[in-house]
Amino acid sequence: MHTVGSIFSNEILRTSILAWFIAQVSKMILVLIQSRKMDFSRLVGSGGMPSSHSAFVMSMCVAVGEQMGYDSPFFGACLVIGLIVMYDAAGVRRAAGKQAAVLNKIIEEIEHDELHFEERLKELLGHTPIEVLVGAVLGIVIALICV
């Protein structure tokens, strides 16, 4: 019989969460090194180096591959989903971030004419291809160490 508590014994899930957490902490450390400011929002924020989405899904892929075999249908399904997530992070979400930057610039120009907007749009949404690649490598390495 399976209990809710047994989810914590799932090695694939634990490995994936660990990869995500390490990627998020890495972002915070990189911001600290670059700006000499502690930015705790980087622990949960999207975008930046390395891609925690890529680390998360690639650690899942490799953990499934190590446990169930790289020729298993489960690994194939995980890899397809992982590639979609990484493509989205470097493509669609990055484009949305660029659009937000343009809109924020337009808003700044409009605000000089007495109109004021409540908040700026979030610009750091997606990733550069190198951020995705580094996140993927981080996830692979963590999974190979943990599983």
N, C-alpha and C. Protein backbone atom coordinates (compact mmCIF):
# COMPACT_ATOMS: atom_id res chain seq x y z
N MET A 1 0.84 -1.18 0.00
CA MET A 1 0.00 0.00 0.00
C MET A 1 0.88 1.24 0.00
N HIS A 2 0.53 2.19 -0.82
CA HIS A 2 1.31 3.42 -0.93
C HIS A 2 0.68 4.51 -0.07
N THR A 3 1.54 5.26 0.59
CA THR A 3 1.08 6.38 1.39
C THR A 3 1.64 7.68 0.83
N VAL A 4 1.07 8.78 1.27
CA VAL A 4 1.57 10.08 0.83
C VAL A 4 3.03 10.23 1.24
N GLY A 5 3.40 9.72 2.37
CA GLY A 5 4.78 9.80 2.85
C GLY A 5 5.76 9.08 1.95
N SER A 6 5.28 8.10 1.17
CA SER A 6 6.19 7.35 0.31
C SER A 6 6.70 8.19 -0.85
N ILE A 7 6.06 9.32 -1.12
CA ILE A 7 6.55 10.19 -2.19
C ILE A 7 7.96 10.68 -1.88
N PHE A 8 8.28 10.81 -0.59
CA PHE A 8 9.60 11.29 -0.19
C PHE A 8 10.68 10.23 -0.37
N SER A 9 10.27 8.99 -0.60
CA SER A 9 11.25 7.94 -0.86
C SER A 9 11.49 7.75 -2.36
N ASN A 10 10.87 8.56 -3.17
CA ASN A 10 11.03 8.49 -4.62
C ASN A 10 12.36 9.15 -5.00
N GLU A 11 13.31 8.32 -5.36
CA GLU A 11 14.67 8.80 -5.65
C GLU A 11 14.71 9.73 -6.86
N ILE A 12 13.90 9.47 -7.86
CA ILE A 12 13.87 10.32 -9.05
C ILE A 12 13.35 11.71 -8.69
N LEU A 13 12.29 11.76 -7.92
CA LEU A 13 11.73 13.04 -7.51
C LEU A 13 12.71 13.81 -6.61
N ARG A 14 13.30 13.12 -5.66
CA ARG A 14 14.28 13.77 -4.76
C ARG A 14 15.46 14.32 -5.55
N THR A 15 15.96 13.56 -6.50
CA THR A 15 17.09 13.99 -7.33
C THR A 15 16.72 15.21 -8.15
N SER A 16 15.54 15.21 -8.74
CA SER A 16 15.09 16.34 -9.56
C SER A 16 14.94 17.60 -8.72
N ILE A 17 14.36 17.47 -7.55
CA ILE A 17 14.19 18.62 -6.65
C ILE A 17 15.54 19.14 -6.20
N LEU A 18 16.47 18.25 -5.92
CA LEU A 18 17.82 18.67 -5.52
C LEU A 18 18.50 19.45 -6.65
N ALA A 19 18.37 18.98 -7.88
CA ALA A 19 18.96 19.68 -9.03
C ALA A 19 18.35 21.06 -9.18
N TRP A 20 17.03 21.16 -9.06
CA TRP A 20 16.35 22.46 -9.13
C TRP A 20 16.88 23.39 -8.03
N PHE A 21 16.97 22.87 -6.81
CA PHE A 21 17.41 23.69 -5.67
C PHE A 21 18.85 24.17 -5.86
N ILE A 22 19.73 23.30 -6.30
CA ILE A 22 21.13 23.69 -6.52
C ILE A 22 21.21 24.76 -7.61
N ALA A 23 20.43 24.61 -8.66
CA ALA A 23 20.42 25.62 -9.73
C ALA A 23 19.93 26.96 -9.19
N GLN A 24 18.87 26.96 -8.40
CA GLN A 24 18.33 28.20 -7.86
C GLN A 24 19.33 28.86 -6.90
N VAL A 25 19.97 28.09 -6.05
CA VAL A 25 20.98 28.63 -5.13
C VAL A 25 22.17 29.18 -5.93
N SER A 26 22.52 28.49 -7.00
CA SER A 26 23.62 28.97 -7.87
C SER A 26 23.30 30.34 -8.44
N LYS A 27 22.04 30.55 -8.84
CA LYS A 27 21.63 31.86 -9.36
C LYS A 27 21.84 32.94 -8.29
N MET A 28 21.43 32.63 -7.07
CA MET A 28 21.57 33.59 -5.98
C MET A 28 23.04 33.91 -5.72
N ILE A 29 23.89 32.90 -5.75
CA ILE A 29 25.32 33.09 -5.53
C ILE A 29 25.94 33.92 -6.65
N LEU A 30 25.56 33.64 -7.90
CA LEU A 30 26.08 34.42 -9.02
C LEU A 30 25.67 35.89 -8.93
N VAL A 31 24.43 36.16 -8.53
CA VAL A 31 23.98 37.54 -8.35
C VAL A 31 24.77 38.20 -7.22
N LEU A 32 25.02 37.46 -6.16
CA LEU A 32 25.80 37.98 -5.03
C LEU A 32 27.22 38.35 -5.47
N ILE A 33 27.83 37.50 -6.28
CA ILE A 33 29.19 37.76 -6.78
C ILE A 33 29.19 38.97 -7.71
N GLN A 34 28.20 39.06 -8.59
CA GLN A 34 28.15 40.13 -9.59
C GLN A 34 27.77 41.49 -8.99
N SER A 35 26.79 41.50 -8.09
CA SER A 35 26.27 42.78 -7.60
C SER A 35 26.61 43.06 -6.14
N ARG A 36 27.19 42.08 -5.48
CA ARG A 36 27.51 42.19 -4.05
C ARG A 36 26.26 42.46 -3.20
N LYS A 37 25.13 41.96 -3.69
CA LYS A 37 23.86 42.06 -2.97
C LYS A 37 23.23 40.68 -2.90
N MET A 38 22.67 40.38 -1.73
CA MET A 38 21.96 39.11 -1.55
C MET A 38 20.53 39.29 -2.06
N ASP A 39 20.15 38.54 -3.08
CA ASP A 39 18.82 38.64 -3.68
C ASP A 39 18.11 37.30 -3.50
N PHE A 40 17.33 37.19 -2.42
CA PHE A 40 16.65 35.94 -2.11
C PHE A 40 15.54 35.62 -3.11
N SER A 41 15.11 36.61 -3.89
CA SER A 41 14.08 36.34 -4.90
C SER A 41 14.60 35.38 -5.97
N ARG A 42 15.92 35.29 -6.13
CA ARG A 42 16.50 34.37 -7.11
C ARG A 42 16.27 32.91 -6.72
N LEU A 43 15.92 32.66 -5.45
CA LEU A 43 15.64 31.28 -5.04
C LEU A 43 14.38 30.72 -5.68
N VAL A 44 13.47 31.59 -6.06
CA VAL A 44 12.23 31.12 -6.66
C VAL A 44 11.98 31.74 -8.03
N GLY A 45 12.79 32.69 -8.46
CA GLY A 45 12.57 33.40 -9.72
C GLY A 45 12.97 32.57 -10.93
N SER A 46 12.37 32.92 -12.06
CA SER A 46 12.72 32.26 -13.31
C SER A 46 13.78 33.06 -14.04
N GLY A 47 14.36 32.45 -15.06
CA GLY A 47 15.40 33.10 -15.84
C GLY A 47 16.74 33.08 -15.12
N GLY A 48 17.78 33.44 -15.84
CA GLY A 48 19.11 33.52 -15.25
C GLY A 48 19.92 32.25 -15.42
N MET A 49 21.17 32.33 -14.94
CA MET A 49 22.15 31.24 -15.07
C MET A 49 22.28 30.51 -13.76
N PRO A 50 22.20 29.20 -13.77
CA PRO A 50 21.82 28.28 -14.84
C PRO A 50 20.30 28.09 -14.86
N SER A 51 19.80 27.49 -15.90
CA SER A 51 18.37 27.22 -16.01
C SER A 51 17.98 26.10 -15.04
N SER A 52 17.16 26.46 -14.05
CA SER A 52 16.71 25.44 -13.10
C SER A 52 15.69 24.50 -13.75
N HIS A 53 14.95 25.01 -14.75
CA HIS A 53 14.03 24.14 -15.49
C HIS A 53 14.81 23.02 -16.18
N SER A 54 15.91 23.39 -16.82
CA SER A 54 16.73 22.40 -17.52
C SER A 54 17.37 21.43 -16.54
N ALA A 55 17.87 21.95 -15.43
CA ALA A 55 18.47 21.07 -14.41
C ALA A 55 17.43 20.09 -13.89
N PHE A 56 16.23 20.58 -13.64
CA PHE A 56 15.15 19.76 -13.10
C PHE A 56 14.78 18.62 -14.05
N VAL A 57 14.52 18.97 -15.32
CA VAL A 57 14.05 17.93 -16.25
C VAL A 57 15.18 16.99 -16.68
N MET A 58 16.39 17.48 -16.83
CA MET A 58 17.47 16.59 -17.25
C MET A 58 17.89 15.65 -16.12
N SER A 59 17.81 16.12 -14.87
CA SER A 59 18.10 15.20 -13.77
C SER A 59 17.03 14.11 -13.71
N MET A 60 15.78 14.49 -14.00
CA MET A 60 14.71 13.49 -14.06
C MET A 60 15.00 12.47 -15.16
N CYS A 61 15.36 12.96 -16.35
CA CYS A 61 15.64 12.06 -17.47
C CYS A 61 16.74 11.06 -17.14
N VAL A 62 17.84 11.58 -16.62
CA VAL A 62 18.98 10.70 -16.33
C VAL A 62 18.66 9.76 -15.17
N ALA A 63 17.95 10.24 -14.16
CA ALA A 63 17.58 9.35 -13.04
C ALA A 63 16.68 8.22 -13.53
N VAL A 64 15.73 8.55 -14.41
CA VAL A 64 14.86 7.51 -14.98
C VAL A 64 15.70 6.56 -15.84
N GLY A 65 16.60 7.12 -16.63
CA GLY A 65 17.46 6.28 -17.46
C GLY A 65 18.32 5.34 -16.64
N GLU A 66 18.87 5.86 -15.55
CA GLU A 66 19.72 5.03 -14.68
C GLU A 66 18.92 3.94 -13.98
N GLN A 67 17.70 4.26 -13.55
CA GLN A 67 16.89 3.28 -12.82
C GLN A 67 16.16 2.30 -13.72
N MET A 68 15.66 2.78 -14.86
CA MET A 68 14.79 1.95 -15.67
C MET A 68 15.39 1.56 -17.01
N GLY A 69 16.56 2.13 -17.31
CA GLY A 69 17.22 1.83 -18.57
C GLY A 69 16.99 2.94 -19.58
N TYR A 70 18.04 3.23 -20.31
CA TYR A 70 17.96 4.28 -21.32
C TYR A 70 17.16 3.83 -22.55
N ASP A 71 16.83 2.55 -22.60
CA ASP A 71 16.00 2.07 -23.69
C ASP A 71 14.53 1.92 -23.28
N SER A 72 14.19 2.34 -22.06
CA SER A 72 12.82 2.19 -21.58
C SER A 72 11.92 3.28 -22.16
N PRO A 73 10.64 2.97 -22.32
CA PRO A 73 9.70 3.99 -22.79
C PRO A 73 9.60 5.17 -21.82
N PHE A 74 9.83 4.92 -20.54
CA PHE A 74 9.77 5.99 -19.54
C PHE A 74 10.87 7.02 -19.79
N PHE A 75 12.08 6.53 -20.08
CA PHE A 75 13.16 7.47 -20.38
C PHE A 75 12.84 8.26 -21.64
N GLY A 76 12.32 7.58 -22.66
CA GLY A 76 11.95 8.28 -23.90
C GLY A 76 10.93 9.37 -23.65
N ALA A 77 9.90 9.07 -22.86
CA ALA A 77 8.87 10.06 -22.55
C ALA A 77 9.46 11.22 -21.76
N CYS A 78 10.31 10.91 -20.79
CA CYS A 78 10.95 11.97 -20.00
C CYS A 78 11.82 12.87 -20.86
N LEU A 79 12.56 12.27 -21.78
CA LEU A 79 13.44 13.05 -22.65
C LEU A 79 12.64 13.97 -23.56
N VAL A 80 11.54 13.46 -24.11
CA VAL A 80 10.70 14.30 -24.97
C VAL A 80 10.16 15.49 -24.17
N ILE A 81 9.64 15.24 -22.99
CA ILE A 81 9.12 16.32 -22.15
C ILE A 81 10.25 17.28 -21.77
N GLY A 82 11.41 16.74 -21.43
CA GLY A 82 12.55 17.58 -21.07
C GLY A 82 12.99 18.49 -22.20
N LEU A 83 13.03 17.95 -23.41
CA LEU A 83 13.43 18.77 -24.56
C LEU A 83 12.41 19.87 -24.85
N ILE A 84 11.13 19.56 -24.66
CA ILE A 84 10.09 20.58 -24.83
C ILE A 84 10.27 21.70 -23.80
N VAL A 85 10.51 21.34 -22.55
CA VAL A 85 10.69 22.33 -21.49
C VAL A 85 11.91 23.21 -21.80
N MET A 86 13.01 22.60 -22.22
CA MET A 86 14.22 23.38 -22.51
C MET A 86 14.04 24.26 -23.74
N TYR A 87 13.35 23.75 -24.76
CA TYR A 87 13.07 24.56 -25.94
C TYR A 87 12.22 25.76 -25.56
N ASP A 88 11.22 25.52 -24.74
CA ASP A 88 10.33 26.60 -24.29
C ASP A 88 11.11 27.63 -23.47
N ALA A 89 12.00 27.18 -22.60
CA ALA A 89 12.77 28.11 -21.77
C ALA A 89 13.65 29.02 -22.61
N ALA A 90 14.24 28.47 -23.66
CA ALA A 90 15.16 29.26 -24.50
C ALA A 90 14.44 29.94 -25.65
N GLY A 91 13.21 29.55 -25.92
CA GLY A 91 12.50 30.10 -27.06
C GLY A 91 11.36 31.00 -26.65
N VAL A 92 10.23 30.40 -26.35
CA VAL A 92 9.01 31.15 -26.09
C VAL A 92 9.15 32.07 -24.88
N ARG A 93 9.61 31.54 -23.76
CA ARG A 93 9.72 32.38 -22.56
C ARG A 93 10.77 33.47 -22.72
N ARG A 94 11.85 33.19 -23.44
CA ARG A 94 12.86 34.22 -23.69
C ARG A 94 12.29 35.33 -24.56
N ALA A 95 11.52 34.95 -25.57
CA ALA A 95 10.89 35.95 -26.44
C ALA A 95 9.90 36.80 -25.64
N ALA A 96 9.16 36.18 -24.75
CA ALA A 96 8.21 36.93 -23.91
C ALA A 96 8.95 37.92 -23.01
N GLY A 97 10.12 37.54 -22.52
CA GLY A 97 10.93 38.45 -21.71
C GLY A 97 11.43 39.64 -22.51
N LYS A 98 11.82 39.38 -23.75
CA LYS A 98 12.27 40.49 -24.63
C LYS A 98 11.11 41.43 -24.92
N GLN A 99 9.92 40.87 -25.14
CA GLN A 99 8.75 41.71 -25.38
C GLN A 99 8.42 42.54 -24.14
N ALA A 100 8.56 41.96 -22.96
CA ALA A 100 8.31 42.69 -21.72
C ALA A 100 9.28 43.87 -21.59
N ALA A 101 10.54 43.67 -21.98
CA ALA A 101 11.52 44.75 -21.91
C ALA A 101 11.12 45.91 -22.82
N VAL A 102 10.66 45.59 -24.02
CA VAL A 102 10.22 46.63 -24.95
C VAL A 102 9.00 47.36 -24.40
N LEU A 103 8.04 46.61 -23.88
CA LEU A 103 6.84 47.23 -23.32
C LEU A 103 7.18 48.11 -22.11
N ASN A 104 8.11 47.65 -21.27
CA ASN A 104 8.52 48.47 -20.12
C ASN A 104 9.14 49.78 -20.58
N LYS A 105 9.92 49.74 -21.65
CA LYS A 105 10.53 50.96 -22.20
C LYS A 105 9.45 51.91 -22.71
N ILE A 106 8.46 51.37 -23.38
CA ILE A 106 7.35 52.19 -23.87
C ILE A 106 6.61 52.82 -22.69
N ILE A 107 6.37 52.02 -21.65
CA ILE A 107 5.68 52.52 -20.45
C ILE A 107 6.47 53.65 -19.81
N GLU A 108 7.80 53.50 -19.73
CA GLU A 108 8.63 54.57 -19.17
C GLU A 108 8.47 55.87 -19.95
N GLU A 109 8.43 55.75 -21.26
CA GLU A 109 8.27 56.95 -22.10
C GLU A 109 6.89 57.57 -21.92
N ILE A 110 5.86 56.74 -21.79
CA ILE A 110 4.50 57.24 -21.59
C ILE A 110 4.37 57.90 -20.22
N GLU A 111 5.02 57.34 -19.21
CA GLU A 111 4.92 57.89 -17.86
C GLU A 111 5.43 59.33 -17.78
N HIS A 112 6.32 59.70 -18.67
CA HIS A 112 6.80 61.09 -18.70
C HIS A 112 5.68 62.04 -19.10
N ASP A 113 4.61 61.50 -19.68
CA ASP A 113 3.47 62.31 -20.09
C ASP A 113 2.34 62.23 -19.06
N GLU A 114 2.67 62.03 -17.79
CA GLU A 114 1.72 62.06 -16.67
C GLU A 114 0.89 60.79 -16.48
N LEU A 115 1.06 59.77 -17.29
CA LEU A 115 0.36 58.50 -17.06
C LEU A 115 1.25 57.61 -16.21
N HIS A 116 0.67 56.91 -15.26
CA HIS A 116 1.48 56.04 -14.39
C HIS A 116 0.87 54.64 -14.36
N PHE A 117 1.74 53.65 -14.40
CA PHE A 117 1.32 52.27 -14.37
C PHE A 117 1.73 51.65 -13.04
N GLU A 118 0.96 50.69 -12.58
CA GLU A 118 1.17 50.10 -11.27
C GLU A 118 2.51 49.38 -11.15
N GLU A 119 2.84 48.55 -12.12
CA GLU A 119 4.07 47.77 -12.01
C GLU A 119 4.66 47.48 -13.38
N ARG A 120 5.95 47.20 -13.35
CA ARG A 120 6.65 46.84 -14.58
C ARG A 120 6.40 45.36 -14.87
N LEU A 121 6.49 45.02 -16.14
CA LEU A 121 6.38 43.62 -16.55
C LEU A 121 7.69 42.90 -16.23
N LYS A 122 7.59 41.63 -15.89
CA LYS A 122 8.77 40.84 -15.59
C LYS A 122 9.52 40.53 -16.89
N GLU A 123 10.80 40.90 -16.92
CA GLU A 123 11.61 40.72 -18.13
C GLU A 123 12.44 39.45 -18.10
N LEU A 124 12.81 38.99 -16.92
CA LEU A 124 13.69 37.82 -16.82
C LEU A 124 12.82 36.57 -16.74
N LEU A 125 12.36 36.11 -17.89
CA LEU A 125 11.47 34.96 -17.95
C LEU A 125 12.16 33.72 -18.49
N GLY A 126 12.89 33.88 -19.56
CA GLY A 126 13.49 32.74 -20.24
C GLY A 126 14.99 32.69 -20.07
N HIS A 127 15.62 31.92 -20.93
CA HIS A 127 17.05 31.67 -20.83
C HIS A 127 17.73 31.80 -22.18
N THR A 128 19.01 32.12 -22.11
CA THR A 128 19.83 32.03 -23.30
C THR A 128 20.15 30.56 -23.53
N PRO A 129 20.55 30.18 -24.73
CA PRO A 129 20.90 28.78 -24.96
C PRO A 129 22.01 28.28 -24.02
N ILE A 130 22.97 29.12 -23.68
CA ILE A 130 24.05 28.68 -22.77
C ILE A 130 23.51 28.44 -21.37
N GLU A 131 22.55 29.24 -20.91
CA GLU A 131 21.95 29.03 -19.59
C GLU A 131 21.20 27.70 -19.55
N VAL A 132 20.53 27.37 -20.66
CA VAL A 132 19.82 26.09 -20.77
C VAL A 132 20.82 24.94 -20.77
N LEU A 133 21.89 25.09 -21.53
CA LEU A 133 22.91 24.04 -21.61
C LEU A 133 23.57 23.80 -20.25
N VAL A 134 23.94 24.87 -19.57
CA VAL A 134 24.58 24.72 -18.26
C VAL A 134 23.61 24.08 -17.27
N GLY A 135 22.35 24.48 -17.30
CA GLY A 135 21.35 23.84 -16.44
C GLY A 135 21.20 22.36 -16.73
N ALA A 136 21.18 22.01 -18.02
CA ALA A 136 21.05 20.60 -18.41
C ALA A 136 22.25 19.79 -17.92
N VAL A 137 23.45 20.33 -18.10
CA VAL A 137 24.66 19.62 -17.65
C VAL A 137 24.63 19.47 -16.13
N LEU A 138 24.23 20.52 -15.42
CA LEU A 138 24.12 20.45 -13.96
C LEU A 138 23.16 19.34 -13.55
N GLY A 139 22.00 19.28 -14.21
CA GLY A 139 21.03 18.23 -13.88
C GLY A 139 21.55 16.83 -14.15
N ILE A 140 22.25 16.66 -15.26
CA ILE A 140 22.83 15.36 -15.61
C ILE A 140 23.84 14.93 -14.56
N VAL A 141 24.73 15.84 -14.20
CA VAL A 141 25.79 15.52 -13.22
C VAL A 141 25.16 15.17 -11.86
N ILE A 142 24.19 15.95 -11.42
CA ILE A 142 23.56 15.67 -10.12
C ILE A 142 22.89 14.30 -10.13
N ALA A 143 22.20 13.98 -11.22
CA ALA A 143 21.53 12.68 -11.30
C ALA A 143 22.54 11.54 -11.31
N LEU A 144 23.65 11.71 -12.03
CA LEU A 144 24.65 10.64 -12.06
C LEU A 144 25.32 10.45 -10.70
N ILE A 145 25.42 11.51 -9.92
CA ILE A 145 25.99 11.42 -8.58
C ILE A 145 24.99 10.78 -7.61
N CYS A 146 23.71 11.14 -7.73
CA CYS A 146 22.71 10.75 -6.74
C CYS A 146 22.07 9.40 -6.98
N VAL A 147 21.99 8.96 -8.24
CA VAL A 147 21.24 7.72 -8.52
C VAL A 147 22.20 6.56 -8.72
